[in-house]
Amino acid sequence: MASSTNEGSVSETQSGKKSKKNTNQVDDSQLFTVPDGWKEPAFTKEDNPKGLLEESSFATLFPKYREAYLKECWPLVQKALGDSHIKATLDLIEGSITVCTTKKTFDPYAVVRARDFIKLLARSVPFEQAVRILEDDMACDITKIGTLVRTRERFVKRRQRLIGPKGSTLKALELLTNCYIMVQGNTVSALGPFNGLKEVRKVVLDTMKNIHPIYNIKTLMIKRELSKDPELRLQSWEKFLPNFRHKNLTKRKEPKKKTTKEEYTPFPPQQPESQIDKELATGEFFLRESVKKRKKMEEIKVKQAEVLTKRQEERNRAFIPPKEKPVMKKTNKAPSEAKIDIEAIKAKVRKAKTKKLGAPSVNPVPQTTPAYDKKKKNKG
């Protein structure tokens, strides 16, 4: 009997666990699907008719160059905060803005929104954009980028890379994330929905880590197109997203003298031989002093002779004439005598004589006898 009761209790507990798991799975699946057009109802005075028990306040400092703009738009700031019964004070001497709750304040989260509102105003965000933080669906994120890069020059280049030429990169990010982005000094202020702020922060941090923002912009564009398809909403998008690898194109210059580290050995290096050990090895240690001196003198004389010969060779180099280049003689080649066919020329001349060129002359010229023929006749 006892065993049966135990088995029954175990089965009940197991069935209870399974039922809990099933309910959890159902709840998780329901969390993914949100009805279209659903919006959280606004917090009204009826939800908190008695108001707040204690006063809470927040203060922030603003730079000197922001003072003139805050003076102009301060009536608008007071009017915007007055709707939620938040009191705001501007201290120009100290350079600070303070917001605090009043007795009429019924929304406990209104003072937190007011805190973000004055922070955005101090970070050079214009009033028209900063007022949107007082809405329910809006949030803000301020990313500090001043300490993420070592050198100032590199920081300025990467910050400009985030802005892009004529602000084109920043504009593309704003369109993809539905956020307003303001890059000012050492901070990046973003204002928009929570999902967009998450993407903006990722892009800003990656840009400071030397990853170009165009890669993240491409992935955001692909994600936006994939989210339009209802079948792909609950699937993994890893196969559709591009995988950009970091390529380090600049190679480090190799030093001229490379030092190679020797392998570490626990034993000390061998002690070098002394002069006496060397003499004992060669047998010079047992020679007399006179013989040792004579050997040293001979070695010195040999070295001197080598030095003298080298010096004489260097001096004689000046007297050695340089080698002249051989003169190239121009050889005029006799033109090859063309073989002339004399018989062919004679034949052409004969043909020319036989041909009658032009019309015959009307008054033929009488042939004159040469003078030497007349002389012969006279003699005869």
Protein backbone atom coordinates (compact mmCIF):
# COMPACT_ATOMS: atom_id res chain seq x y z
CA MET A 1 0.00 0.00 0.00
CA ALA A 2 2.77 2.36 0.90
CA SER A 3 4.50 1.74 -2.38
CA SER A 4 1.32 2.44 -4.35
CA THR A 5 0.75 5.75 -2.56
CA ASN A 6 4.35 6.80 -3.20
CA GLU A 7 4.04 5.94 -6.89
CA GLY A 8 0.81 7.91 -7.06
CA SER A 9 2.41 10.96 -5.48
CA VAL A 10 5.42 10.75 -7.83
CA SER A 11 3.16 10.51 -10.86
CA GLU A 12 1.17 13.50 -9.64
CA THR A 13 4.31 15.59 -9.15
CA GLN A 14 5.61 14.60 -12.59
CA SER A 15 2.30 15.44 -14.23
CA GLY A 16 2.31 18.76 -12.32
CA LYS A 17 5.80 19.58 -13.64
CA LYS A 18 4.77 18.71 -17.18
CA SER A 19 1.69 20.88 -16.93
CA LYS A 20 3.81 23.79 -15.66
CA LYS A 21 6.24 23.34 -18.56
CA ASN A 22 3.38 23.31 -21.02
CA THR A 23 1.90 26.49 -19.56
CA ASN A 24 5.33 28.18 -19.73
CA GLN A 25 5.74 27.20 -23.37
CA VAL A 26 2.34 28.61 -24.21
CA ASP A 27 3.16 31.86 -22.41
CA ASP A 28 6.48 32.19 -24.27
CA SER A 29 4.82 31.67 -27.63
CA GLN A 30 2.19 34.26 -26.78
CA LEU A 31 4.85 36.81 -25.92
CA PHE A 32 6.18 36.78 -29.49
CA THR A 33 2.85 37.76 -31.05
CA VAL A 34 1.65 41.28 -30.26
CA PRO A 35 -1.66 42.47 -31.75
CA ASP A 36 -1.28 45.10 -34.44
CA GLY A 37 -2.18 48.60 -33.30
CA TRP A 38 -1.99 47.69 -29.60
CA LYS A 39 -0.81 50.51 -27.36
CA GLU A 40 -0.40 50.73 -23.61
CA PRO A 41 -3.02 53.01 -22.05
CA ALA A 42 -1.80 56.39 -20.82
CA PHE A 43 -1.25 57.01 -17.11
CA THR A 44 -3.92 59.48 -15.93
CA LYS A 45 -4.69 61.30 -12.68
CA GLU A 46 -7.40 58.75 -11.87
CA ASP A 47 -4.71 56.06 -11.55
CA ASN A 48 -2.98 58.03 -8.77
CA PRO A 49 -5.47 60.55 -7.27
CA LYS A 50 -3.53 61.16 -4.03
CA GLY A 51 -0.29 62.16 -5.74
CA LEU A 52 3.28 61.55 -4.51
CA LEU A 53 4.37 61.34 -0.87
CA GLU A 54 7.81 62.97 -1.21
CA GLU A 55 9.49 65.45 -3.51
CA SER A 56 12.21 64.16 -5.85
CA SER A 57 14.52 66.29 -8.00
CA PHE A 58 17.31 65.95 -10.59
CA ALA A 59 19.90 68.47 -11.72
CA THR A 60 22.40 68.63 -14.59
CA LEU A 61 25.11 71.06 -15.71
CA PHE A 62 25.26 72.62 -19.19
CA PRO A 63 28.22 74.23 -21.06
CA LYS A 64 28.66 77.99 -21.42
CA TYR A 65 27.94 78.07 -25.17
CA ARG A 66 24.48 76.51 -24.51
CA GLU A 67 23.37 79.40 -22.25
CA ALA A 68 22.03 81.68 -25.01
CA TYR A 69 19.88 78.95 -26.56
CA LEU A 70 18.44 77.88 -23.19
CA LYS A 71 17.44 81.49 -22.43
CA GLU A 72 15.45 81.68 -25.67
CA CYS A 73 13.62 78.36 -25.33
CA TRP A 74 13.15 78.37 -21.53
CA PRO A 75 9.47 79.51 -21.61
CA LEU A 76 8.73 76.58 -23.94
CA VAL A 77 10.55 74.19 -21.58
CA GLN A 78 8.49 75.36 -18.62
CA LYS A 79 5.28 75.02 -20.62
CA ALA A 80 6.15 71.45 -21.74
CA LEU A 81 7.00 70.36 -18.19
CA GLY A 82 4.00 72.20 -16.76
CA ASP A 83 1.60 69.75 -18.43
CA SER A 84 2.93 66.97 -16.18
CA HIS A 85 3.17 69.37 -13.16
CA ILE A 86 7.03 69.35 -13.03
CA LYS A 87 8.84 72.47 -11.82
CA ALA A 88 12.03 73.50 -13.70
CA THR A 89 14.60 76.11 -12.63
CA LEU A 90 17.47 77.56 -14.69
CA ASP A 91 20.54 78.74 -12.76
CA LEU A 92 22.77 80.78 -15.09
CA ILE A 93 25.31 81.63 -12.36
CA GLU A 94 26.02 78.01 -11.51
CA GLY A 95 25.23 76.76 -15.05
CA SER A 96 22.69 74.09 -14.08
CA ILE A 97 19.10 73.02 -14.73
CA THR A 98 16.99 71.46 -11.97
CA VAL A 99 13.65 69.64 -12.24
CA CYS A 100 11.54 68.58 -9.26
CA THR A 101 8.07 67.25 -8.53
CA THR A 102 5.24 69.30 -7.02
CA LYS A 103 2.13 68.51 -4.98
CA LYS A 104 0.05 68.26 -8.17
CA THR A 105 2.36 65.68 -9.80
CA PHE A 106 0.52 62.38 -10.17
CA ASP A 107 2.82 60.44 -12.59
CA PRO A 108 5.86 59.09 -10.69
CA TYR A 109 7.77 58.48 -13.93
CA ALA A 110 7.29 62.06 -15.19
CA VAL A 111 10.28 63.34 -13.21
CA VAL A 112 12.51 60.69 -14.85
CA ARG A 113 11.40 61.84 -18.29
CA ALA A 114 12.05 65.43 -17.23
CA ARG A 115 15.55 64.39 -16.15
CA ASP A 116 16.24 62.92 -19.62
CA PHE A 117 14.73 66.04 -21.19
CA ILE A 118 17.16 68.42 -19.49
CA LYS A 119 20.07 66.05 -20.19
CA LEU A 120 19.31 66.17 -23.91
CA LEU A 121 19.04 69.97 -23.83
CA ALA A 122 22.45 70.17 -22.14
CA ARG A 123 23.92 67.83 -24.83
CA SER A 124 23.06 70.30 -27.65
CA VAL A 125 19.87 68.52 -28.78
CA PRO A 126 17.37 71.10 -30.11
CA PHE A 127 14.17 71.70 -28.17
CA GLU A 128 11.91 70.41 -30.98
CA GLN A 129 13.54 66.96 -30.77
CA ALA A 130 14.15 66.84 -27.00
CA VAL A 131 10.42 67.41 -26.22
CA ARG A 132 9.62 64.02 -27.77
CA ILE A 133 11.16 62.28 -24.72
CA LEU A 134 8.05 63.26 -22.70
CA GLU A 135 6.00 60.83 -24.82
CA ASP A 136 5.36 57.27 -23.63
CA ASP A 137 6.95 55.37 -26.54
CA MET A 138 10.16 57.44 -26.59
CA ALA A 139 13.46 56.84 -24.79
CA CYS A 140 16.96 58.30 -24.97
CA ASP A 141 20.50 56.98 -24.79
CA ILE A 142 23.71 58.99 -24.33
CA THR A 143 26.88 57.14 -25.35
CA LYS A 144 30.25 58.46 -24.16
CA ILE A 145 32.88 57.94 -26.88
CA GLY A 146 35.68 60.19 -25.62
CA THR A 147 37.58 57.46 -23.75
CA LEU A 148 37.17 54.64 -26.33
CA VAL A 149 40.11 55.75 -28.53
CA ARG A 150 43.64 56.53 -27.33
CA THR A 151 44.84 59.33 -29.61
CA ARG A 152 42.83 62.49 -30.28
CA GLU A 153 43.50 62.48 -34.05
CA ARG A 154 42.19 58.93 -34.44
CA PHE A 155 39.13 59.81 -32.34
CA VAL A 156 38.29 62.79 -34.59
CA LYS A 157 38.63 60.65 -37.74
CA ARG A 158 36.35 57.90 -36.42
CA ARG A 159 33.78 60.40 -35.18
CA GLN A 160 33.74 62.01 -38.64
CA ARG A 161 33.39 58.53 -40.16
CA LEU A 162 30.22 58.08 -38.06
CA ILE A 163 28.80 61.37 -39.35
CA GLY A 164 29.80 60.67 -42.97
CA PRO A 165 30.21 63.08 -45.90
CA LYS A 166 27.67 65.90 -45.40
CA GLY A 167 25.99 63.80 -42.67
CA SER A 168 24.89 61.05 -45.10
CA THR A 169 25.88 58.12 -42.83
CA LEU A 170 24.07 59.65 -39.85
CA LYS A 171 20.98 60.29 -41.97
CA ALA A 172 20.93 56.65 -43.15
CA LEU A 173 21.13 55.45 -39.54
CA GLU A 174 18.25 57.73 -38.55
CA LEU A 175 16.05 56.37 -41.34
CA LEU A 176 16.81 52.72 -40.50
CA THR A 177 16.43 53.00 -36.72
CA ASN A 178 13.72 55.71 -36.54
CA CYS A 179 15.91 57.60 -34.05
CA TYR A 180 17.25 61.13 -33.88
CA ILE A 181 21.06 61.07 -33.46
CA MET A 182 23.17 64.02 -32.33
CA VAL A 183 26.99 63.81 -32.32
CA GLN A 184 28.43 66.56 -30.15
CA GLY A 185 31.86 66.63 -28.52
CA ASN A 186 32.64 63.41 -26.69
CA THR A 187 29.06 62.07 -26.63
CA VAL A 188 26.45 60.70 -29.03
CA SER A 189 22.83 61.41 -28.02
CA ALA A 190 20.07 59.25 -29.50
CA LEU A 191 16.31 59.68 -29.15
CA GLY A 192 13.75 57.13 -30.35
CA PRO A 193 12.20 53.70 -29.69
CA PHE A 194 14.03 51.08 -27.61
CA ASN A 195 14.89 48.73 -30.50
CA GLY A 196 16.36 51.59 -32.52
CA LEU A 197 18.45 52.84 -29.58
CA LYS A 198 19.95 49.37 -29.18
CA GLU A 199 21.06 49.34 -32.83
CA VAL A 200 22.40 52.90 -32.66
CA ARG A 201 24.56 52.11 -29.63
CA LYS A 202 25.99 49.03 -31.38
CA VAL A 203 26.87 51.02 -34.51
CA VAL A 204 28.52 53.82 -32.49
CA LEU A 205 30.66 51.43 -30.43
CA ASP A 206 31.69 49.43 -33.52
CA THR A 207 32.72 52.63 -35.31
CA MET A 208 34.96 53.57 -32.41
CA LYS A 209 36.47 50.04 -32.65
CA ASN A 210 37.49 50.75 -36.27
CA ILE A 211 34.56 48.90 -37.92
CA HIS A 212 33.06 51.01 -40.68
CA PRO A 213 29.38 51.92 -40.12
CA ILE A 214 28.45 50.92 -43.69
CA TYR A 215 28.67 47.23 -42.67
CA ASN A 216 26.11 47.70 -39.88
CA ILE A 217 23.92 49.78 -42.19
CA LYS A 218 23.83 46.90 -44.70
CA THR A 219 22.79 44.42 -42.01
CA LEU A 220 20.06 46.80 -40.80
CA MET A 221 18.71 47.13 -44.33
CA ILE A 222 18.57 43.35 -44.71
CA LYS A 223 16.86 42.97 -41.31
CA ARG A 224 14.24 45.55 -42.27
CA GLU A 225 13.39 43.65 -45.46
CA LEU A 226 13.27 40.31 -43.62
CA SER A 227 10.94 41.66 -40.95
CA LYS A 228 8.33 42.47 -43.60
CA ASP A 229 7.93 38.75 -44.36
CA PRO A 230 5.59 37.19 -41.73
CA GLU A 231 6.99 33.67 -42.31
CA LEU A 232 10.56 34.71 -41.46
CA ARG A 233 9.74 36.56 -38.22
CA LEU A 234 10.19 33.53 -35.97
CA GLN A 235 13.15 32.03 -37.90
CA SER A 236 16.87 32.59 -37.54
CA TRP A 237 18.31 35.24 -39.88
CA GLU A 238 21.97 34.22 -39.65
CA LYS A 239 22.07 32.69 -43.13
CA PHE A 240 20.71 35.90 -44.68
CA LEU A 241 22.99 38.36 -42.87
CA PRO A 242 26.45 39.10 -44.36
CA ASN A 243 29.55 38.05 -42.45
CA PHE A 244 32.17 40.77 -42.78
CA ARG A 245 35.69 39.77 -41.86
CA HIS A 246 38.25 42.21 -40.56
CA LYS A 247 41.15 42.57 -42.99
CA ASN A 248 44.33 44.20 -41.78
CA LEU A 249 45.89 45.44 -45.01
CA THR A 250 48.66 47.53 -43.50
CA LYS A 251 51.61 45.35 -42.67
CA ARG A 252 54.09 46.31 -40.00
CA LYS A 253 57.50 47.29 -41.31
CA GLU A 254 60.05 44.63 -40.53
CA PRO A 255 63.19 45.86 -38.74
CA LYS A 256 66.54 45.71 -40.50
CA LYS A 257 68.24 43.89 -37.65
CA LYS A 258 66.20 40.95 -36.49
CA THR A 259 67.03 39.59 -33.05
CA THR A 260 66.27 35.95 -32.49
CA LYS A 261 65.73 34.80 -28.94
CA GLU A 262 67.77 31.83 -27.90
CA GLU A 263 66.18 28.89 -26.18
CA TYR A 264 66.15 29.17 -22.44
CA THR A 265 68.45 26.72 -20.64
CA PRO A 266 68.71 26.49 -16.87
CA PHE A 267 72.44 25.76 -17.05
CA PRO A 268 74.89 28.66 -17.16
CA PRO A 269 77.05 29.15 -20.31
CA GLN A 270 80.50 27.53 -20.47
CA GLN A 271 83.25 29.65 -18.95
CA PRO A 272 85.58 31.14 -21.62
CA GLU A 273 89.22 29.94 -21.74
CA SER A 274 91.84 32.11 -20.10
CA GLN A 275 95.13 33.13 -21.68
CA ILE A 276 97.04 30.50 -19.65
CA ASP A 277 94.66 27.75 -20.85
CA LYS A 278 95.25 28.78 -24.48
CA GLU A 279 99.06 28.76 -23.96
CA LEU A 280 98.90 25.33 -22.32
CA ALA A 281 96.90 23.99 -25.26
CA THR A 282 99.40 25.29 -27.85
CA GLY A 283 102.51 24.51 -25.75
CA GLU A 284 103.73 28.12 -25.53
CA PHE A 285 103.48 28.06 -21.76
CA PHE A 286 106.57 25.86 -21.49
CA LEU A 287 108.77 28.01 -23.77
CA ARG A 288 111.41 30.41 -22.48
CA GLU A 289 110.82 34.13 -22.19
CA SER A 290 113.36 34.92 -24.91
CA VAL A 291 111.62 32.58 -27.37
CA LYS A 292 108.24 34.08 -26.53
CA LYS A 293 109.53 37.62 -27.14
CA ARG A 294 111.08 36.58 -30.45
CA LYS A 295 107.77 35.08 -31.63
CA LYS A 296 105.89 38.21 -30.68
CA MET A 297 108.37 40.40 -32.56
CA GLU A 298 108.05 38.21 -35.65
CA GLU A 299 104.25 38.46 -35.56
CA ILE A 300 104.47 42.25 -35.21
CA LYS A 301 106.87 42.48 -38.17
CA VAL A 302 104.57 40.35 -40.35
CA LYS A 303 101.62 42.61 -39.53
CA GLN A 304 103.70 45.73 -40.27
CA ALA A 305 104.75 44.32 -43.62
CA GLU A 306 101.13 43.61 -44.57
CA VAL A 307 100.10 47.15 -43.64
CA LEU A 308 102.97 48.64 -45.68
CA THR A 309 102.05 46.66 -48.78
CA LYS A 310 98.43 47.76 -48.49
CA ARG A 311 99.47 51.43 -48.19
CA GLN A 312 101.79 51.19 -51.20
CA GLU A 313 99.01 49.62 -53.29
CA GLU A 314 96.66 52.46 -52.35
CA ARG A 315 99.30 55.09 -53.29
CA ASN A 316 100.08 53.38 -56.62
CA ARG A 317 96.43 53.32 -57.61
CA ALA A 318 96.62 57.06 -58.40
CA PHE A 319 99.36 56.43 -60.98
CA ILE A 320 97.61 53.60 -62.81
CA PRO A 321 96.01 55.04 -65.99
CA PRO A 322 92.42 54.17 -66.63
CA LYS A 323 91.59 51.76 -69.39
CA GLU A 324 90.72 53.54 -72.61
CA LYS A 325 87.78 52.45 -74.59
CA PRO A 326 88.66 51.07 -78.02
CA VAL A 327 87.91 53.47 -80.90
CA MET A 328 85.35 52.10 -83.24
CA LYS A 329 86.44 52.59 -86.88
CA LYS A 330 83.73 53.40 -89.32
CA THR A 331 83.91 51.09 -92.30
CA ASN A 332 82.23 52.44 -95.39
CA LYS A 333 80.94 49.51 -97.28
CA ALA A 334 81.31 49.86 -101.01
CA PRO A 335 77.98 49.80 -102.72
CA SER A 336 77.40 46.61 -104.53
CA GLU A 337 77.77 47.18 -108.24
CA ALA A 338 74.57 46.41 -109.91
CA LYS A 339 74.94 44.17 -112.91
CA ILE A 340 74.06 46.16 -116.02
CA ASP A 341 72.76 44.31 -119.06
CA ILE A 342 74.47 46.18 -121.95
CA GLU A 343 72.85 44.11 -124.67
CA ALA A 344 69.37 45.02 -123.41
CA ILE A 345 70.25 48.74 -123.45
CA LYS A 346 71.56 48.50 -127.02
CA ALA A 347 68.39 46.81 -128.15
CA LYS A 348 66.25 49.59 -126.58
CA VAL A 349 68.31 52.27 -128.38
CA ARG A 350 67.85 50.50 -131.75
CA LYS A 351 64.12 50.34 -131.26
CA ALA A 352 64.03 54.06 -130.39
CA LYS A 353 65.86 54.94 -133.62
CA THR A 354 63.53 52.91 -135.83
CA LYS A 355 60.40 54.47 -134.35
CA LYS A 356 59.16 57.68 -136.02
CA LEU A 357 58.07 60.06 -133.34
CA GLY A 358 55.59 62.81 -134.38
CA ALA A 359 54.67 64.07 -137.95
CA PRO A 360 57.37 64.40 -140.66
CA SER A 361 58.75 67.92 -141.25
CA VAL A 362 57.39 69.91 -144.28
CA ASN A 363 60.74 71.57 -145.29
CA PRO A 364 63.37 69.00 -144.76
CA VAL A 365 66.66 70.49 -143.69
CA PRO A 366 69.47 69.70 -146.19
CA GLN A 367 72.23 67.68 -144.80
CA THR A 368 75.40 69.73 -144.41
CA THR A 369 78.66 68.08 -145.12
CA PRO A 370 81.17 68.38 -142.41
CA ALA A 371 84.10 70.78 -142.82
CA TYR A 372 86.73 68.13 -142.81
CA ASP A 373 85.09 66.48 -145.89
CA LYS A 374 85.38 69.76 -147.82
CA LYS A 375 89.02 70.02 -146.94
CA LYS A 376 89.61 66.52 -148.29
CA LYS A 377 87.90 67.40 -151.55
CA ASN A 378 89.92 70.56 -151.98
CA LYS A 379 93.08 68.67 -151.44
CA GLY A 380 92.07 66.09 -153.95
